[in-house]
Amino acid sequence: MANTANTGQKGGGSSRRDFLYLATGAVGAVGVGATAWPFIDQMNPSAAVLALATTEVDLSPISEGMGITAMWRSKPVFVRKRTQSEIDEARSVDVNALPDPQTDEARVQQPEWLIVVGICTHLGCIPLGNKQSEPRGDYGGWFCPCHGSHYDTSGRIRKGPAPENLAVPTYNFVNDSTVQLG
């Protein structure tokens, strides 16, 4: 008789017990999830950080041959409206001769606008050359005076210890006079 009660054939005791085990486990799992959620949720970025995830930059005050520095995610971003000669110079370079080969077309969405993160890829310095009064190095782009890295008019490393080109951030043009970074 005892054997039949354990198998659930007499009175359905074990199926009721199985249901109680499952129900208790489900309630316990929901309780653990409800208790853990505030701890997991606090690891998400704050509203202030999410607000900095994207930045809009007004392009209208930038004239041809000029550049500005915008801040995005606590990093300087160089936004430069290149002249036709700077575009031609950047596109005439033999890509295979570059330390970090990349075509100018792969680095820009619109030929006249170059947008790069203004942090030297050698040791994280901020290169000079985004203002007309600053030295631009041997290739007309940017120059990092800390260790002598020279970047061209497409932000590509041409000379010096920097191993990579200036990074191109994620961006899109909202309209003709606004670009959104991030």
Protein backbone atom coordinates (compact mmCIF):
# COMPACT_ATOMS: atom_id res chain seq x y z
CA MET A 1 0.00 0.00 0.00
CA ALA A 2 2.75 2.39 0.88
CA ASN A 3 4.26 1.88 -2.54
CA THR A 4 1.06 2.87 -4.34
CA ALA A 5 0.72 6.09 -2.32
CA ASN A 6 4.21 7.20 -3.35
CA THR A 7 3.56 6.65 -7.02
CA GLY A 8 0.46 8.78 -7.04
CA GLN A 9 -1.98 5.93 -7.81
CA LYS A 10 -3.88 6.22 -4.54
CA GLY A 11 -5.51 9.59 -3.91
CA GLY A 12 -3.17 11.61 -6.16
CA GLY A 13 -0.89 12.62 -3.26
CA SER A 14 2.34 12.86 -5.19
CA SER A 15 0.87 14.91 -8.06
CA ARG A 16 -0.45 17.39 -5.47
CA ARG A 17 2.98 17.40 -3.83
CA ASP A 18 4.69 18.00 -7.18
CA PHE A 19 2.36 20.93 -7.82
CA LEU A 20 3.18 22.42 -4.41
CA TYR A 21 6.92 22.06 -5.07
CA LEU A 22 6.59 23.77 -8.44
CA ALA A 23 4.36 26.54 -7.08
CA THR A 24 6.70 27.16 -4.14
CA GLY A 25 9.71 27.26 -6.49
CA ALA A 26 7.96 29.69 -8.84
CA VAL A 27 6.97 32.02 -5.98
CA GLY A 28 10.53 31.82 -4.64
CA ALA A 29 12.02 32.64 -8.06
CA VAL A 30 9.71 35.65 -8.42
CA GLY A 31 10.70 36.79 -4.93
CA VAL A 32 14.41 36.48 -5.68
CA GLY A 33 13.92 38.37 -8.96
CA ALA A 34 11.95 41.14 -7.25
CA THR A 35 14.61 41.44 -4.57
CA ALA A 36 17.53 41.41 -7.03
CA TRP A 37 16.05 43.83 -9.58
CA PRO A 38 16.91 47.07 -7.74
CA PHE A 39 20.53 45.91 -7.45
CA ILE A 40 20.70 45.01 -11.14
CA ASP A 41 18.88 48.18 -12.24
CA GLN A 42 21.29 50.47 -10.37
CA MET A 43 24.09 49.24 -12.67
CA ASN A 44 22.41 50.87 -15.71
CA PRO A 45 23.75 54.25 -16.83
CA SER A 46 22.22 57.24 -15.09
CA ALA A 47 20.02 59.75 -16.90
CA ALA A 48 22.94 62.20 -16.95
CA VAL A 49 25.16 59.67 -18.72
CA LEU A 50 22.44 58.78 -21.21
CA ALA A 51 21.96 62.47 -21.98
CA LEU A 52 25.65 62.69 -22.90
CA ALA A 53 25.44 59.63 -25.14
CA THR A 54 24.46 61.86 -28.05
CA THR A 55 25.40 65.45 -28.78
CA GLU A 56 24.21 67.72 -31.55
CA VAL A 57 26.70 70.11 -33.12
CA ASP A 58 25.65 73.21 -35.05
CA LEU A 59 27.68 73.35 -38.25
CA SER A 60 26.42 76.72 -39.51
CA PRO A 61 29.12 78.91 -37.89
CA ILE A 62 31.97 76.82 -39.34
CA SER A 63 33.37 78.34 -42.51
CA GLU A 64 35.43 76.47 -45.07
CA GLY A 65 38.92 75.67 -43.80
CA MET A 66 37.91 76.13 -40.17
CA GLY A 67 37.29 73.65 -37.37
CA ILE A 68 35.74 73.53 -33.93
CA THR A 69 36.13 71.25 -30.97
CA ALA A 70 32.94 69.76 -29.52
CA MET A 71 32.73 67.63 -26.39
CA TRP A 72 31.11 64.19 -26.62
CA ARG A 73 31.30 61.58 -23.86
CA SER A 74 33.94 63.73 -22.15
CA LYS A 75 36.14 63.53 -25.25
CA PRO A 76 37.10 66.32 -27.65
CA VAL A 77 35.74 65.82 -31.15
CA PHE A 78 37.25 67.79 -34.02
CA VAL A 79 34.68 68.94 -36.57
CA ARG A 80 36.37 70.46 -39.60
CA LYS A 81 34.93 71.87 -42.83
CA ARG A 82 37.66 71.01 -45.29
CA THR A 83 38.61 73.02 -48.34
CA GLN A 84 38.59 71.38 -51.76
CA SER A 85 42.40 71.32 -51.73
CA GLU A 86 42.39 69.49 -48.35
CA ILE A 87 39.91 66.95 -49.74
CA ASP A 88 42.01 66.47 -52.89
CA GLU A 89 45.18 66.12 -50.82
CA ALA A 90 43.57 63.51 -48.56
CA ARG A 91 42.29 61.51 -51.50
CA SER A 92 45.56 61.58 -53.44
CA VAL A 93 47.53 59.72 -50.74
CA ASP A 94 48.75 56.19 -51.50
CA VAL A 95 46.78 54.27 -48.87
CA ASN A 96 49.23 51.34 -48.91
CA ALA A 97 52.01 53.66 -47.70
CA LEU A 98 50.09 54.61 -44.52
CA PRO A 99 50.85 53.04 -41.12
CA ASP A 100 47.09 52.51 -40.61
CA PRO A 101 45.72 52.18 -44.18
CA GLN A 102 42.30 53.76 -44.61
CA THR A 103 40.86 55.70 -47.52
CA ASP A 104 39.49 59.18 -47.03
CA GLU A 105 36.14 58.01 -48.38
CA ALA A 106 35.90 55.42 -45.57
CA ARG A 107 36.46 58.13 -42.94
CA VAL A 108 33.86 60.71 -44.01
CA GLN A 109 30.16 60.71 -44.88
CA GLN A 110 30.29 64.03 -46.74
CA PRO A 111 33.64 65.01 -48.30
CA GLU A 112 33.75 68.54 -46.87
CA TRP A 113 33.09 67.45 -43.26
CA LEU A 114 35.73 65.58 -41.29
CA ILE A 115 34.68 64.48 -37.81
CA VAL A 116 37.24 62.70 -35.62
CA VAL A 117 37.84 62.11 -31.92
CA GLY A 118 40.61 64.53 -30.97
CA ILE A 119 42.71 62.13 -28.91
CA CYS A 120 46.13 60.99 -30.10
CA THR A 121 46.24 57.22 -30.44
CA HIS A 122 49.73 57.04 -28.98
CA LEU A 123 49.28 58.11 -25.36
CA GLY A 124 45.96 59.98 -25.32
CA CYS A 125 47.19 63.56 -25.75
CA ILE A 126 45.11 66.15 -27.60
CA PRO A 127 46.72 67.07 -30.93
CA LEU A 128 47.02 70.67 -32.08
CA GLY A 129 45.74 72.03 -35.37
CA ASN A 130 42.01 72.48 -35.04
CA LYS A 131 42.47 76.27 -34.85
CA GLN A 132 44.22 78.34 -37.50
CA SER A 133 46.73 79.64 -34.93
CA GLU A 134 47.95 76.15 -33.97
CA PRO A 135 50.68 74.16 -35.74
CA ARG A 136 49.28 71.56 -38.08
CA GLY A 137 52.26 69.29 -38.58
CA ASP A 138 53.89 68.19 -41.80
CA TYR A 139 50.67 67.06 -43.52
CA GLY A 140 48.29 69.94 -42.83
CA GLY A 141 46.10 68.09 -40.35
CA TRP A 142 46.99 67.77 -36.67
CA PHE A 143 50.22 67.61 -34.73
CA CYS A 144 50.72 66.04 -31.30
CA PRO A 145 53.61 67.93 -29.69
CA CYS A 146 54.05 65.41 -26.86
CA HIS A 147 55.71 62.74 -28.99
CA GLY A 148 55.63 64.12 -32.53
CA SER A 149 52.73 62.33 -34.23
CA HIS A 150 51.58 63.99 -37.46
CA TYR A 151 48.08 63.47 -38.88
CA ASP A 152 46.90 64.47 -42.35
CA THR A 153 43.74 66.29 -43.49
CA SER A 154 41.78 63.06 -43.08
CA GLY A 155 42.99 62.43 -39.52
CA ARG A 156 45.25 59.55 -40.60
CA ILE A 157 48.60 58.97 -38.91
CA ARG A 158 51.41 59.80 -41.29
CA LYS A 159 54.49 60.18 -39.09
CA GLY A 160 55.39 59.54 -35.46
CA PRO A 161 54.74 56.90 -32.81
CA ALA A 162 50.91 56.84 -32.95
CA PRO A 163 49.82 53.36 -34.08
CA GLU A 164 46.38 54.27 -35.46
CA ASN A 165 44.44 57.04 -37.17
CA LEU A 166 42.33 59.45 -35.14
CA ALA A 167 39.10 57.59 -34.38
CA VAL A 168 35.94 58.43 -36.29
CA PRO A 169 32.95 58.55 -33.92
CA THR A 170 29.49 57.36 -34.80
CA TYR A 171 27.61 60.31 -36.28
CA ASN A 172 24.85 61.24 -38.67
CA PHE A 173 23.72 64.45 -40.30
CA VAL A 174 20.36 65.58 -38.93
CA ASN A 175 20.10 68.29 -41.59
CA ASP A 176 22.46 70.53 -43.58
CA SER A 177 23.54 72.50 -40.51
CA THR A 178 23.44 69.92 -37.67
CA VAL A 179 25.33 66.72 -36.99
CA GLN A 180 24.50 64.30 -34.17
CA LEU A 181 27.39 62.51 -32.49
CA GLY A 182 26.63 59.13 -30.96
